[in-house]
């Protein structure tokens, strides 16, 4: 789609879990960055991109940094319209922060 010049008003990225352990954070982060760079290239200027991660070892701050790096490398400017996290039916045990594994960003892309 990218190579054909297709562009969309809305792109949704919901990849599989790329990071299964702390040792995989670096490699998995690269996977999230690559997916987000490709997604950003498909969004029309002024369009929206929803991007998600279900990796517990990638916290919300790291995920935002990964997506910011992807935008920079893709040559796109993006604004966070909303941060998303898991709903109340996925409670997070205070002693197990990795249970906070669902996260997402809604972006406006220029």
PDB file of N, CA and C in Angstrom:
ATOM      1  N   UNK A   1       0.833  -1.189   0.000  1.00  0.00           N
ATOM      2  CA  UNK A   1       0.000   0.000   0.000  1.00  0.00           C
ATOM      3  C   UNK A   1       0.875   1.249   0.000  1.00  0.00           C
ATOM      4  N   UNK A   2       1.903   1.244   0.829  1.00  0.00           N
ATOM      5  CA  UNK A   2       2.776   2.411   0.892  1.00  0.00           C
ATOM      6  C   UNK A   2       3.449   2.645  -0.450  1.00  0.00           C
ATOM      7  N   UNK A   3       3.984   1.593  -1.031  1.00  0.00           N
ATOM      8  CA  UNK A   3       4.693   1.725  -2.302  1.00  0.00           C
ATOM      9  C   UNK A   3       3.768   2.128  -3.440  1.00  0.00           C
ATOM     10  N   UNK A   4       2.469   1.825  -3.320  1.00  0.00           N
ATOM     11  CA  UNK A   4       1.479   2.229  -4.328  1.00  0.00           C
ATOM     12  C   UNK A   4       1.008   3.660  -4.117  1.00  0.00           C
ATOM     13  N   UNK A   5       1.490   4.320  -3.059  1.00  0.00           N
ATOM     14  CA  UNK A   5       1.103   5.698  -2.795  1.00  0.00           C
ATOM     15  C   UNK A   5      -0.250   5.846  -2.124  1.00  0.00           C
ATOM     16  N   UNK A   6      -0.786   4.760  -1.603  1.00  0.00           N
ATOM     17  CA  UNK A   6      -2.085   4.845  -0.924  1.00  0.00           C
ATOM     18  C   UNK A   6      -1.930   5.574   0.401  1.00  0.00           C
ATOM     19  N   UNK A   7      -2.911   6.419   0.712  1.00  0.00           N
ATOM     20  CA  UNK A   7      -2.934   7.144   1.980  1.00  0.00           C
ATOM     21  C   UNK A   7      -4.348   7.084   2.519  1.00  0.00           C
ATOM     22  N   UNK A   8      -4.472   7.055   3.843  1.00  0.00           N
ATOM     23  CA  UNK A   8      -5.766   6.861   4.483  1.00  0.00           C
ATOM     24  C   UNK A   8      -6.018   7.935   5.537  1.00  0.00           C
ATOM     25  N   UNK A   9      -7.288   8.193   5.793  1.00  0.00           N
ATOM     26  CA  UNK A   9      -7.680   9.147   6.832  1.00  0.00           C
ATOM     27  C   UNK A   9      -7.455   8.567   8.221  1.00  0.00           C
ATOM     28  N   UNK A  10      -7.593   7.253   8.363  1.00  0.00           N
ATOM     29  CA  UNK A  10      -7.427   6.583   9.652  1.00  0.00           C
ATOM     30  C   UNK A  10      -6.619   5.299   9.437  1.00  0.00           C
ATOM     31  N   UNK A  11      -5.618   5.122  10.271  1.00  0.00           N
ATOM     32  CA  UNK A  11      -4.816   3.895  10.263  1.00  0.00           C
ATOM     33  C   UNK A  11      -4.806   3.364  11.693  1.00  0.00           C
ATOM     34  N   UNK A  12      -5.076   2.069  11.854  1.00  0.00           N
ATOM     35  CA  UNK A  12      -5.073   1.427  13.164  1.00  0.00           C
ATOM     36  C   UNK A  12      -3.981   0.359  13.167  1.00  0.00           C
ATOM     37  N   UNK A  13      -3.087   0.455  14.159  1.00  0.00           N
ATOM     38  CA  UNK A  13      -2.003  -0.511  14.314  1.00  0.00           C
ATOM     39  C   UNK A  13      -2.213  -1.279  15.613  1.00  0.00           C
ATOM     40  N   UNK A  14      -2.404  -2.575  15.511  1.00  0.00           N
ATOM     41  CA  UNK A  14      -2.606  -3.428  16.681  1.00  0.00           C
ATOM     42  C   UNK A  14      -1.762  -4.688  16.510  1.00  0.00           C
ATOM     43  N   UNK A  15      -0.426  -4.524  16.604  1.00  0.00           N
ATOM     44  CA  UNK A  15       0.451  -5.669  16.360  1.00  0.00           C
ATOM     45  C   UNK A  15       0.413  -6.676  17.504  1.00  0.00           C
ATOM     46  N   UNK A  16       0.955  -7.854  17.254  1.00  0.00           N
ATOM     47  CA  UNK A  16       1.041  -8.851  18.328  1.00  0.00           C
ATOM     48  C   UNK A  16       2.070  -8.417  19.366  1.00  0.00           C
ATOM     49  N   UNK A  17       2.126  -9.132  20.445  1.00  0.00           N
ATOM     50  CA  UNK A  17       3.097  -8.870  21.517  1.00  0.00           C
ATOM     51  C   UNK A  17       4.500  -9.122  20.978  1.00  0.00           C
ATOM     52  N   UNK A  18       5.310  -8.059  20.918  1.00  0.00           N
ATOM     53  CA  UNK A  18       6.681  -8.174  20.420  1.00  0.00           C
ATOM     54  C   UNK A  18       7.693  -8.447  21.524  1.00  0.00           C
ATOM     55  N   UNK A  19       7.332  -8.166  22.784  1.00  0.00           N
ATOM     56  CA  UNK A  19       8.276  -8.299  23.894  1.00  0.00           C
ATOM     57  C   UNK A  19       7.682  -9.268  24.911  1.00  0.00           C
ATOM     58  N   UNK A  20       8.308 -10.438  25.024  1.00  0.00           N
ATOM     59  CA  UNK A  20       7.833 -11.468  25.944  1.00  0.00           C
ATOM     60  C   UNK A  20       8.638 -11.533  27.233  1.00  0.00           C
ATOM     61  N   UNK A  21       9.795 -10.844  27.274  1.00  0.00           N
ATOM     62  CA  UNK A  21      10.634 -10.837  28.475  1.00  0.00           C
ATOM     63  C   UNK A  21      11.450  -9.552  28.488  1.00  0.00           C
ATOM     64  N   UNK A  22      12.042  -9.253  29.626  1.00  0.00           N
ATOM     65  CA  UNK A  22      12.867  -8.049  29.752  1.00  0.00           C
ATOM     66  C   UNK A  22      14.046  -8.081  28.777  1.00  0.00           C
ATOM     67  N   UNK A  23      14.545  -9.258  28.483  1.00  0.00           N
ATOM     68  CA  UNK A  23      15.672  -9.392  27.558  1.00  0.00           C
ATOM     69  C   UNK A  23      15.306  -9.022  26.127  1.00  0.00           C
ATOM     70  N   UNK A  24      14.033  -9.019  25.809  1.00  0.00           N
ATOM     71  CA  UNK A  24      13.588  -8.744  24.441  1.00  0.00           C
ATOM     72  C   UNK A  24      13.159  -7.296  24.216  1.00  0.00           C
ATOM     73  N   UNK A  25      13.313  -6.436  25.221  1.00  0.00           N
ATOM     74  CA  UNK A  25      12.821  -5.060  25.101  1.00  0.00           C
ATOM     75  C   UNK A  25      13.465  -4.335  23.926  1.00  0.00           C
ATOM     76  N   UNK A  26      14.759  -4.447  23.763  1.00  0.00           N
ATOM     77  CA  UNK A  26      15.442  -3.734  22.681  1.00  0.00           C
ATOM     78  C   UNK A  26      14.962  -4.189  21.302  1.00  0.00           C
ATOM     79  N   UNK A  27      14.978  -5.491  21.072  1.00  0.00           N
ATOM     80  CA  UNK A  27      14.544  -6.022  19.771  1.00  0.00           C
ATOM     81  C   UNK A  27      13.057  -5.756  19.536  1.00  0.00           C
ATOM     82  N   UNK A  28      12.248  -5.945  20.563  1.00  0.00           N
ATOM     83  CA  UNK A  28      10.819  -5.708  20.423  1.00  0.00           C
ATOM     84  C   UNK A  28      10.496  -4.247  20.179  1.00  0.00           C
ATOM     85  N   UNK A  29      11.266  -3.367  20.808  1.00  0.00           N
ATOM     86  CA  UNK A  29      11.070  -1.934  20.590  1.00  0.00           C
ATOM     87  C   UNK A  29      11.330  -1.588  19.130  1.00  0.00           C
ATOM     88  N   UNK A  30      12.316  -2.223  18.542  1.00  0.00           N
ATOM     89  CA  UNK A  30      12.608  -1.997  17.118  1.00  0.00           C
ATOM     90  C   UNK A  30      11.423  -2.440  16.261  1.00  0.00           C
ATOM     91  N   UNK A  31      10.808  -3.559  16.628  1.00  0.00           N
ATOM     92  CA  UNK A  31       9.628  -4.017  15.898  1.00  0.00           C
ATOM     93  C   UNK A  31       8.488  -3.021  15.979  1.00  0.00           C
ATOM     94  N   UNK A  32       8.231  -2.494  17.177  1.00  0.00           N
ATOM     95  CA  UNK A  32       7.176  -1.481  17.324  1.00  0.00           C
ATOM     96  C   UNK A  32       7.515  -0.231  16.519  1.00  0.00           C
ATOM     97  N   UNK A  33       8.779   0.159  16.517  1.00  0.00           N
ATOM     98  CA  UNK A  33       9.168   1.349  15.760  1.00  0.00           C
ATOM     99  C   UNK A  33       8.950   1.132  14.267  1.00  0.00           C
ATOM    100  N   UNK A  34       9.362  -0.017  13.757  1.00  0.00           N
ATOM    101  CA  UNK A  34       9.183  -0.300  12.327  1.00  0.00           C
ATOM    102  C   UNK A  34       7.715  -0.284  11.924  1.00  0.00           C
ATOM    103  N   UNK A  35       6.863  -0.935  12.717  1.00  0.00           N
ATOM    104  CA  UNK A  35       5.433  -0.974  12.414  1.00  0.00           C
ATOM    105  C   UNK A  35       4.854   0.444  12.414  1.00  0.00           C
ATOM    106  N   UNK A  36       5.256   1.251  13.396  1.00  0.00           N
ATOM    107  CA  UNK A  36       4.732   2.608  13.483  1.00  0.00           C
ATOM    108  C   UNK A  36       5.244   3.493  12.353  1.00  0.00           C
ATOM    109  N   UNK A  37       6.493   3.327  11.941  1.00  0.00           N
ATOM    110  CA  UNK A  37       6.999   4.099  10.801  1.00  0.00           C
ATOM    111  C   UNK A  37       6.187   3.785   9.550  1.00  0.00           C
ATOM    112  N   UNK A  38       5.921   2.519   9.313  1.00  0.00           N
ATOM    113  CA  UNK A  38       5.133   2.136   8.141  1.00  0.00           C
ATOM    114  C   UNK A  38       3.708   2.690   8.233  1.00  0.00           C
ATOM    115  N   UNK A  39       3.112   2.590   9.425  1.00  0.00           N
ATOM    116  CA  UNK A  39       1.763   3.123   9.608  1.00  0.00           C
ATOM    117  C   UNK A  39       1.701   4.619   9.377  1.00  0.00           C
ATOM    118  N   UNK A  40       2.679   5.350   9.905  1.00  0.00           N
ATOM    119  CA  UNK A  40       2.706   6.804   9.738  1.00  0.00           C
ATOM    120  C   UNK A  40       2.798   7.200   8.279  1.00  0.00           C
ATOM    121  N   UNK A  41       3.481   6.405   7.487  1.00  0.00           N
ATOM    122  CA  UNK A  41       3.611   6.697   6.059  1.00  0.00           C
ATOM    123  C   UNK A  41       2.301   6.498   5.308  1.00  0.00           C
ATOM    124  N   UNK A  42       1.346   5.806   5.908  1.00  0.00           N
ATOM    125  CA  UNK A  42       0.063   5.548   5.254  1.00  0.00           C
ATOM    126  C   UNK A  42      -1.020   6.574   5.606  1.00  0.00           C
ATOM    127  N   UNK A  43      -0.736   7.449   6.562  1.00  0.00           N
ATOM    128  CA  UNK A  43      -1.748   8.405   7.020  1.00  0.00           C
ATOM    129  C   UNK A  43      -1.670   9.682   6.178  1.00  0.00           C
ATOM    130  N   UNK A  44      -2.838  10.121   5.679  1.00  0.00           N
ATOM    131  CA  UNK A  44      -2.905  11.404   4.977  1.00  0.00           C
ATOM    132  C   UNK A  44      -2.607  12.535   5.952  1.00  0.00           C
ATOM    133  N   UNK A  45      -2.032  13.627   5.491  1.00  0.00           N
ATOM    134  CA  UNK A  45      -1.845  14.777   6.382  1.00  0.00           C
ATOM    135  C   UNK A  45      -3.177  15.195   7.008  1.00  0.00           C
ATOM    136  N   UNK A  46      -3.172  15.334   8.328  1.00  0.00           N
ATOM    137  CA  UNK A  46      -4.397  15.664   9.059  1.00  0.00           C
ATOM    138  C   UNK A  46      -5.184  14.448   9.482  1.00  0.00           C
ATOM    139  N   UNK A  47      -4.728  13.262   9.080  1.00  0.00           N
ATOM    140  CA  UNK A  47      -5.424  12.027   9.427  1.00  0.00           C
ATOM    141  C   UNK A  47      -5.072  11.546  10.827  1.00  0.00           C
ATOM    142  N   UNK A  48      -5.691  10.441  11.197  1.00  0.00           N
ATOM    143  CA  UNK A  48      -5.523   9.876  12.534  1.00  0.00           C
ATOM    144  C   UNK A  48      -4.837   8.519  12.468  1.00  0.00           C
ATOM    145  N   UNK A  49      -4.030   8.251  13.485  1.00  0.00           N
ATOM    146  CA  UNK A  49      -3.461   6.922  13.641  1.00  0.00           C
ATOM    147  C   UNK A  49      -3.684   6.486  15.079  1.00  0.00           C
ATOM    148  N   UNK A  50      -4.221   5.293  15.237  1.00  0.00           N
ATOM    149  CA  UNK A  50      -4.372   4.656  16.541  1.00  0.00           C
ATOM    150  C   UNK A  50      -3.331   3.546  16.591  1.00  0.00           C
ATOM    151  N   UNK A  51      -2.478   3.583  17.605  1.00  0.00           N
ATOM    152  CA  UNK A  51      -1.415   2.592  17.712  1.00  0.00           C
ATOM    153  C   UNK A  51      -1.421   1.993  19.108  1.00  0.00           C
ATOM    154  N   UNK A  52      -1.151   0.693  19.183  1.00  0.00           N
ATOM    155  CA  UNK A  52      -1.298  -0.039  20.435  1.00  0.00           C
ATOM    156  C   UNK A  52      -0.119  -0.964  20.688  1.00  0.00           C
ATOM    157  N   UNK A  53       0.065  -1.303  21.962  1.00  0.00           N
ATOM    158  CA  UNK A  53       1.035  -2.306  22.386  1.00  0.00           C
ATOM    159  C   UNK A  53       0.398  -3.133  23.489  1.00  0.00           C
ATOM    160  N   UNK A  54       0.651  -4.434  23.456  1.00  0.00           N
ATOM    161  CA  UNK A  54       0.174  -5.322  24.517  1.00  0.00           C
ATOM    162  C   UNK A  54       1.348  -6.002  25.216  1.00  0.00           C
ATOM    163  N   UNK A  55       2.525  -5.368  25.158  1.00  0.00           N
ATOM    164  CA  UNK A  55       3.711  -5.913  25.800  1.00  0.00           C
ATOM    165  C   UNK A  55       3.883  -5.294  27.180  1.00  0.00           C
ATOM    166  N   UNK A  56       3.789  -6.087  28.231  1.00  0.00           N
ATOM    167  CA  UNK A  56       3.911  -5.597  29.592  1.00  0.00           C
ATOM    168  C   UNK A  56       5.281  -5.033  29.919  1.00  0.00           C
ATOM    169  N   UNK A  57       6.319  -5.483  29.234  1.00  0.00           N
ATOM    170  CA  UNK A  57       7.674  -4.994  29.496  1.00  0.00           C
ATOM    171  C   UNK A  57       7.955  -3.663  28.798  1.00  0.00           C
ATOM    172  N   UNK A  58       7.016  -3.197  27.986  1.00  0.00           N
ATOM    173  CA  UNK A  58       7.112  -1.880  27.353  1.00  0.00           C
ATOM    174  C   UNK A  58       6.077  -1.000  28.034  1.00  0.00           C
ATOM    175  N   UNK A  59       6.539  -0.101  28.903  1.00  0.00           N
ATOM    176  CA  UNK A  59       5.581   0.744  29.612  1.00  0.00           C
ATOM    177  C   UNK A  59       5.109   1.892  28.708  1.00  0.00           C
ATOM    178  N   UNK A  60       4.140   2.651  29.194  1.00  0.00           N
ATOM    179  CA  UNK A  60       3.530   3.706  28.386  1.00  0.00           C
ATOM    180  C   UNK A  60       4.542   4.764  27.970  1.00  0.00           C
ATOM    181  N   UNK A  61       5.460   5.114  28.866  1.00  0.00           N
ATOM    182  CA  UNK A  61       6.462   6.130  28.531  1.00  0.00           C
ATOM    183  C   UNK A  61       7.399   5.644  27.424  1.00  0.00           C
ATOM    184  N   UNK A  62       7.852   4.399  27.520  1.00  0.00           N
ATOM    185  CA  UNK A  62       8.723   3.844  26.482  1.00  0.00           C
ATOM    186  C   UNK A  62       7.967   3.738  25.164  1.00  0.00           C
ATOM    187  N   UNK A  63       6.713   3.307  25.220  1.00  0.00           N
ATOM    188  CA  UNK A  63       5.926   3.195  23.993  1.00  0.00           C
ATOM    189  C   UNK A  63       5.803   4.556  23.308  1.00  0.00           C
ATOM    190  N   UNK A  64       5.547   5.603  24.084  1.00  0.00           N
ATOM    191  CA  UNK A  64       5.450   6.942  23.505  1.00  0.00           C
ATOM    192  C   UNK A  64       6.778   7.354  22.864  1.00  0.00           C
ATOM    193  N   UNK A  65       7.901   7.047  23.508  1.00  0.00           N
ATOM    194  CA  UNK A  65       9.212   7.366  22.941  1.00  0.00           C
ATOM    195  C   UNK A  65       9.454   6.616  21.640  1.00  0.00           C
ATOM    196  N   UNK A  66       9.034   5.359  21.598  1.00  0.00           N
ATOM    197  CA  UNK A  66       9.190   4.562  20.379  1.00  0.00           C
ATOM    198  C   UNK A  66       8.396   5.187  19.241  1.00  0.00           C
ATOM    199  N   UNK A  67       7.155   5.551  19.511  1.00  0.00           N
ATOM    200  CA  UNK A  67       6.298   6.139  18.475  1.00  0.00           C
ATOM    201  C   UNK A  67       6.839   7.506  18.050  1.00  0.00           C
ATOM    202  N   UNK A  68       7.358   8.277  19.007  1.00  0.00           N
ATOM    203  CA  UNK A  68       7.956   9.574  18.659  1.00  0.00           C
ATOM    204  C   UNK A  68       9.160   9.382  17.738  1.00  0.00           C
ATOM    205  N   UNK A  69       9.974   8.395  18.036  1.00  0.00           N
ATOM    206  CA  UNK A  69      11.117   8.096  17.175  1.00  0.00           C
ATOM    207  C   UNK A  69      10.687   7.659  15.788  1.00  0.00           C
ATOM    208  N   UNK A  70       9.612   6.894  15.727  1.00  0.00           N
ATOM    209  CA  UNK A  70       9.088   6.457  14.431  1.00  0.00           C
ATOM    210  C   UNK A  70       8.603   7.659  13.619  1.00  0.00           C
ATOM    211  N   UNK A  71       7.923   8.594  14.265  1.00  0.00           N
ATOM    212  CA  UNK A  71       7.446   9.792  13.570  1.00  0.00           C
ATOM    213  C   UNK A  71       8.621  10.605  13.045  1.00  0.00           C
ATOM    214  N   UNK A  72       9.645  10.763  13.871  1.00  0.00           N
ATOM    215  CA  UNK A  72      10.830  11.505  13.454  1.00  0.00           C
ATOM    216  C   UNK A  72      11.477  10.847  12.239  1.00  0.00           C
ATOM    217  N   UNK A  73      11.672   9.535  12.310  1.00  0.00           N
ATOM    218  CA  UNK A  73      12.303   8.813  11.202  1.00  0.00           C
ATOM    219  C   UNK A  73      11.441   8.800   9.950  1.00  0.00           C
ATOM    220  N   UNK A  74      10.116   8.849  10.117  1.00  0.00           N
ATOM    221  CA  UNK A  74       9.211   8.867   8.963  1.00  0.00           C
ATOM    222  C   UNK A  74       9.031  10.279   8.412  1.00  0.00           C
ATOM    223  N   UNK A  75       9.592  11.262   9.095  1.00  0.00           N
ATOM    224  CA  UNK A  75       9.455  12.642   8.642  1.00  0.00           C
ATOM    225  C   UNK A  75       8.056  13.198   8.835  1.00  0.00           C
ATOM    226  N   UNK A  76       7.351  12.707   9.858  1.00  0.00           N
ATOM    227  CA  UNK A  76       5.981  13.141  10.117  1.00  0.00           C
ATOM    228  C   UNK A  76       5.901  13.809  11.474  1.00  0.00           C
ATOM    229  N   UNK A  77       5.009  14.770  11.601  1.00  0.00           N
ATOM    230  CA  UNK A  77       4.721  15.408  12.882  1.00  0.00           C
ATOM    231  C   UNK A  77       3.425  14.793  13.398  1.00  0.00           C
ATOM    232  N   UNK A  78       3.422  14.386  14.642  1.00  0.00           N
ATOM    233  CA  UNK A  78       2.222  13.783  15.224  1.00  0.00           C
ATOM    234  C   UNK A  78       1.926  14.425  16.571  1.00  0.00           C
ATOM    235  N   UNK A  79       0.649  14.562  16.855  1.00  0.00           N
ATOM    236  CA  UNK A  79       0.183  15.079  18.141  1.00  0.00           C
ATOM    237  C   UNK A  79      -0.630  14.004  18.831  1.00  0.00           C
ATOM    238  N   UNK A  80      -0.424  13.863  20.138  1.00  0.00           N
ATOM    239  CA  UNK A  80      -1.219  12.907  20.913  1.00  0.00           C
ATOM    240  C   UNK A  80      -2.560  13.554  21.228  1.00  0.00           C
ATOM    241  N   UNK A  81      -3.626  12.943  20.744  1.00  0.00           N
ATOM    242  CA  UNK A  81      -4.971  13.400  21.060  1.00  0.00           C
ATOM    243  C   UNK A  81      -5.508  12.707  22.299  1.00  0.00           C
ATOM    244  N   UNK A  82      -5.092  11.447  22.462  1.00  0.00           N
ATOM    245  CA  UNK A  82      -5.574  10.681  23.611  1.00  0.00           C
ATOM    246  C   UNK A  82      -4.617   9.539  23.913  1.00  0.00           C
ATOM    247  N   UNK A  83      -4.446   9.259  25.203  1.00  0.00           N
ATOM    248  CA  UNK A  83      -3.710   8.083  25.667  1.00  0.00           C
ATOM    249  C   UNK A  83      -4.734   7.073  26.144  1.00  0.00           C
ATOM    250  N   UNK A  84      -4.535   5.822  25.778  1.00  0.00           N
ATOM    251  CA  UNK A  84      -5.476   4.774  26.152  1.00  0.00           C
ATOM    252  C   UNK A  84      -4.775   3.731  27.014  1.00  0.00           C
ATOM    253  N   UNK A  85      -5.532   3.122  27.903  1.00  0.00           N
ATOM    254  CA  UNK A  85      -5.016   2.020  28.709  1.00  0.00           C
ATOM    255  C   UNK A  85      -6.123   0.985  28.854  1.00  0.00           C
ATOM    256  N   UNK A  86      -5.805  -0.066  29.549  1.00  0.00           N
ATOM    257  CA  UNK A  86      -6.765  -1.156  29.645  1.00  0.00           C
ATOM    258  C   UNK A  86      -7.986  -0.749  30.479  1.00  0.00           C
ATOM    259  N   UNK A  87      -9.109  -1.345  30.183  1.00  0.00           N
ATOM    260  CA  UNK A  87     -10.352  -1.007  30.874  1.00  0.00           C
ATOM    261  C   UNK A  87     -10.418  -1.656  32.263  1.00  0.00           C
ATOM    262  N   UNK A  88     -11.403  -1.261  33.054  1.00  0.00           N
ATOM    263  CA  UNK A  88     -11.534  -1.782  34.425  1.00  0.00           C
ATOM    264  C   UNK A  88     -11.669  -3.305  34.519  1.00  0.00           C
ATOM    265  N   UNK A  89     -12.102  -3.973  33.440  1.00  0.00           N
ATOM    266  CA  UNK A  89     -12.222  -5.425  33.532  1.00  0.00           C
ATOM    267  C   UNK A  89     -10.871  -6.130  33.353  1.00  0.00           C
ATOM    268  N   UNK A  90      -9.770  -5.367  33.251  1.00  0.00           N
ATOM    269  CA  UNK A  90      -8.398  -5.884  33.247  1.00  0.00           C
ATOM    270  C   UNK A  90      -7.643  -5.223  34.406  1.00  0.00           C
ATOM    271  N   UNK A  91      -8.000  -5.530  35.660  1.00  0.00           N
ATOM    272  CA  UNK A  91      -7.378  -4.850  36.806  1.00  0.00           C
ATOM    273  C   UNK A  91      -5.877  -5.124  36.887  1.00  0.00           C
ATOM    274  N   UNK A  92      -5.184  -4.195  37.521  1.00  0.00           N
ATOM    275  CA  UNK A  92      -3.731  -4.257  37.639  1.00  0.00           C
ATOM    276  C   UNK A  92      -3.371  -4.486  39.103  1.00  0.00           C
ATOM    277  N   UNK A  93      -2.751  -5.613  39.398  1.00  0.00           N
ATOM    278  CA  UNK A  93      -2.296  -5.886  40.752  1.00  0.00           C
ATOM    279  C   UNK A  93      -1.163  -4.944  41.112  1.00  0.00           C
ATOM    280  N   UNK A  94      -1.265  -4.287  42.242  1.00  0.00           N
ATOM    281  CA  UNK A  94      -0.277  -3.293  42.664  1.00  0.00           C
ATOM    282  C   UNK A  94       1.126  -3.883  42.758  1.00  0.00           C
ATOM    283  N   UNK A  95       1.216  -5.179  43.054  1.00  0.00           N
ATOM    284  CA  UNK A  95       2.516  -5.835  43.185  1.00  0.00           C
ATOM    285  C   UNK A  95       3.039  -6.390  41.862  1.00  0.00           C
ATOM    286  N   UNK A  96       2.263  -6.221  40.788  1.00  0.00           N
ATOM    287  CA  UNK A  96       2.640  -6.781  39.485  1.00  0.00           C
ATOM    288  C   UNK A  96       2.409  -5.732  38.395  1.00  0.00           C
ATOM    289  N   UNK A  97       3.307  -4.721  38.299  1.00  0.00           N
ATOM    290  CA  UNK A  97       3.093  -3.628  37.347  1.00  0.00           C
ATOM    291  C   UNK A  97       3.049  -4.077  35.886  1.00  0.00           C
ATOM    292  N   UNK A  98       3.657  -5.230  35.572  1.00  0.00           N
ATOM    293  CA  UNK A  98       3.616  -5.726  34.196  1.00  0.00           C
ATOM    294  C   UNK A  98       2.198  -6.076  33.753  1.00  0.00           C
ATOM    295  N   UNK A  99       1.275  -6.168  34.712  1.00  0.00           N
ATOM    296  CA  UNK A  99      -0.127  -6.441  34.361  1.00  0.00           C
ATOM    297  C   UNK A  99      -0.755  -5.260  33.636  1.00  0.00           C
ATOM    298  N   UNK A 100      -0.104  -4.111  33.706  1.00  0.00           N
ATOM    299  CA  UNK A 100      -0.579  -2.942  32.961  1.00  0.00           C
ATOM    300  C   UNK A 100       0.034  -3.010  31.556  1.00  0.00           C
ATOM    301  N   UNK A 101      -0.447  -3.967  30.788  1.00  0.00           N
ATOM    302  CA  UNK A 101       0.192  -4.271  29.508  1.00  0.00           C
ATOM    303  C   UNK A 101      -0.481  -3.633  28.304  1.00  0.00           C
ATOM    304  N   UNK A 102      -1.734  -3.248  28.405  1.00  0.00           N
ATOM    305  CA  UNK A 102      -2.425  -2.656  27.257  1.00  0.00           C
ATOM    306  C   UNK A 102      -2.257  -1.141  27.281  1.00  0.00           C
ATOM    307  N   UNK A 103      -1.795  -0.603  26.156  1.00  0.00           N
ATOM    308  CA  UNK A 103      -1.623   0.833  26.051  1.00  0.00           C
ATOM    309  C   UNK A 103      -1.809   1.257  24.602  1.00  0.00           C
ATOM    310  N   UNK A 104      -2.226   2.489  24.415  1.00  0.00           N
ATOM    311  CA  UNK A 104      -2.421   2.978  23.064  1.00  0.00           C
ATOM    312  C   UNK A 104      -2.358   4.485  22.994  1.00  0.00           C
ATOM    313  N   UNK A 105      -2.145   4.976  21.797  1.00  0.00           N
ATOM    314  CA  UNK A 105      -2.121   6.402  21.517  1.00  0.00           C
ATOM    315  C   UNK A 105      -3.016   6.691  20.315  1.00  0.00           C
ATOM    316  N   UNK A 106      -3.788   7.744  20.409  1.00  0.00           N
ATOM    317  CA  UNK A 106      -4.535   8.254  19.268  1.00  0.00           C
ATOM    318  C   UNK A 106      -3.786   9.518  18.822  1.00  0.00           C
ATOM    319  N   UNK A 107      -3.325   9.518  17.596  1.00  0.00           N
ATOM    320  CA  UNK A 107      -2.495  10.605  17.081  1.00  0.00           C
ATOM    321  C   UNK A 107      -3.147  11.316  15.902  1.00  0.00           C
ATOM    322  N   UNK A 108      -2.937  12.612  15.826  1.00  0.00           N
ATOM    323  CA  UNK A 108      -3.215  13.365  14.596  1.00  0.00           C
ATOM    324  C   UNK A 108      -1.863  13.506  13.895  1.00  0.00           C
ATOM    325  N   UNK A 109      -1.825  13.161  12.636  1.00  0.00           N
ATOM    326  CA  UNK A 109      -0.569  13.117  11.890  1.00  0.00           C
ATOM    327  C   UNK A 109      -0.574  14.183  10.802  1.00  0.00           C
ATOM    328  N   UNK A 110       0.494  14.966  10.775  1.00  0.00           N
ATOM    329  CA  UNK A 110       0.656  16.002   9.735  1.00  0.00           C
ATOM    330  C   UNK A 110       1.681  15.562   8.724  1.00  0.00           C
TER     331      UNK A 110
END
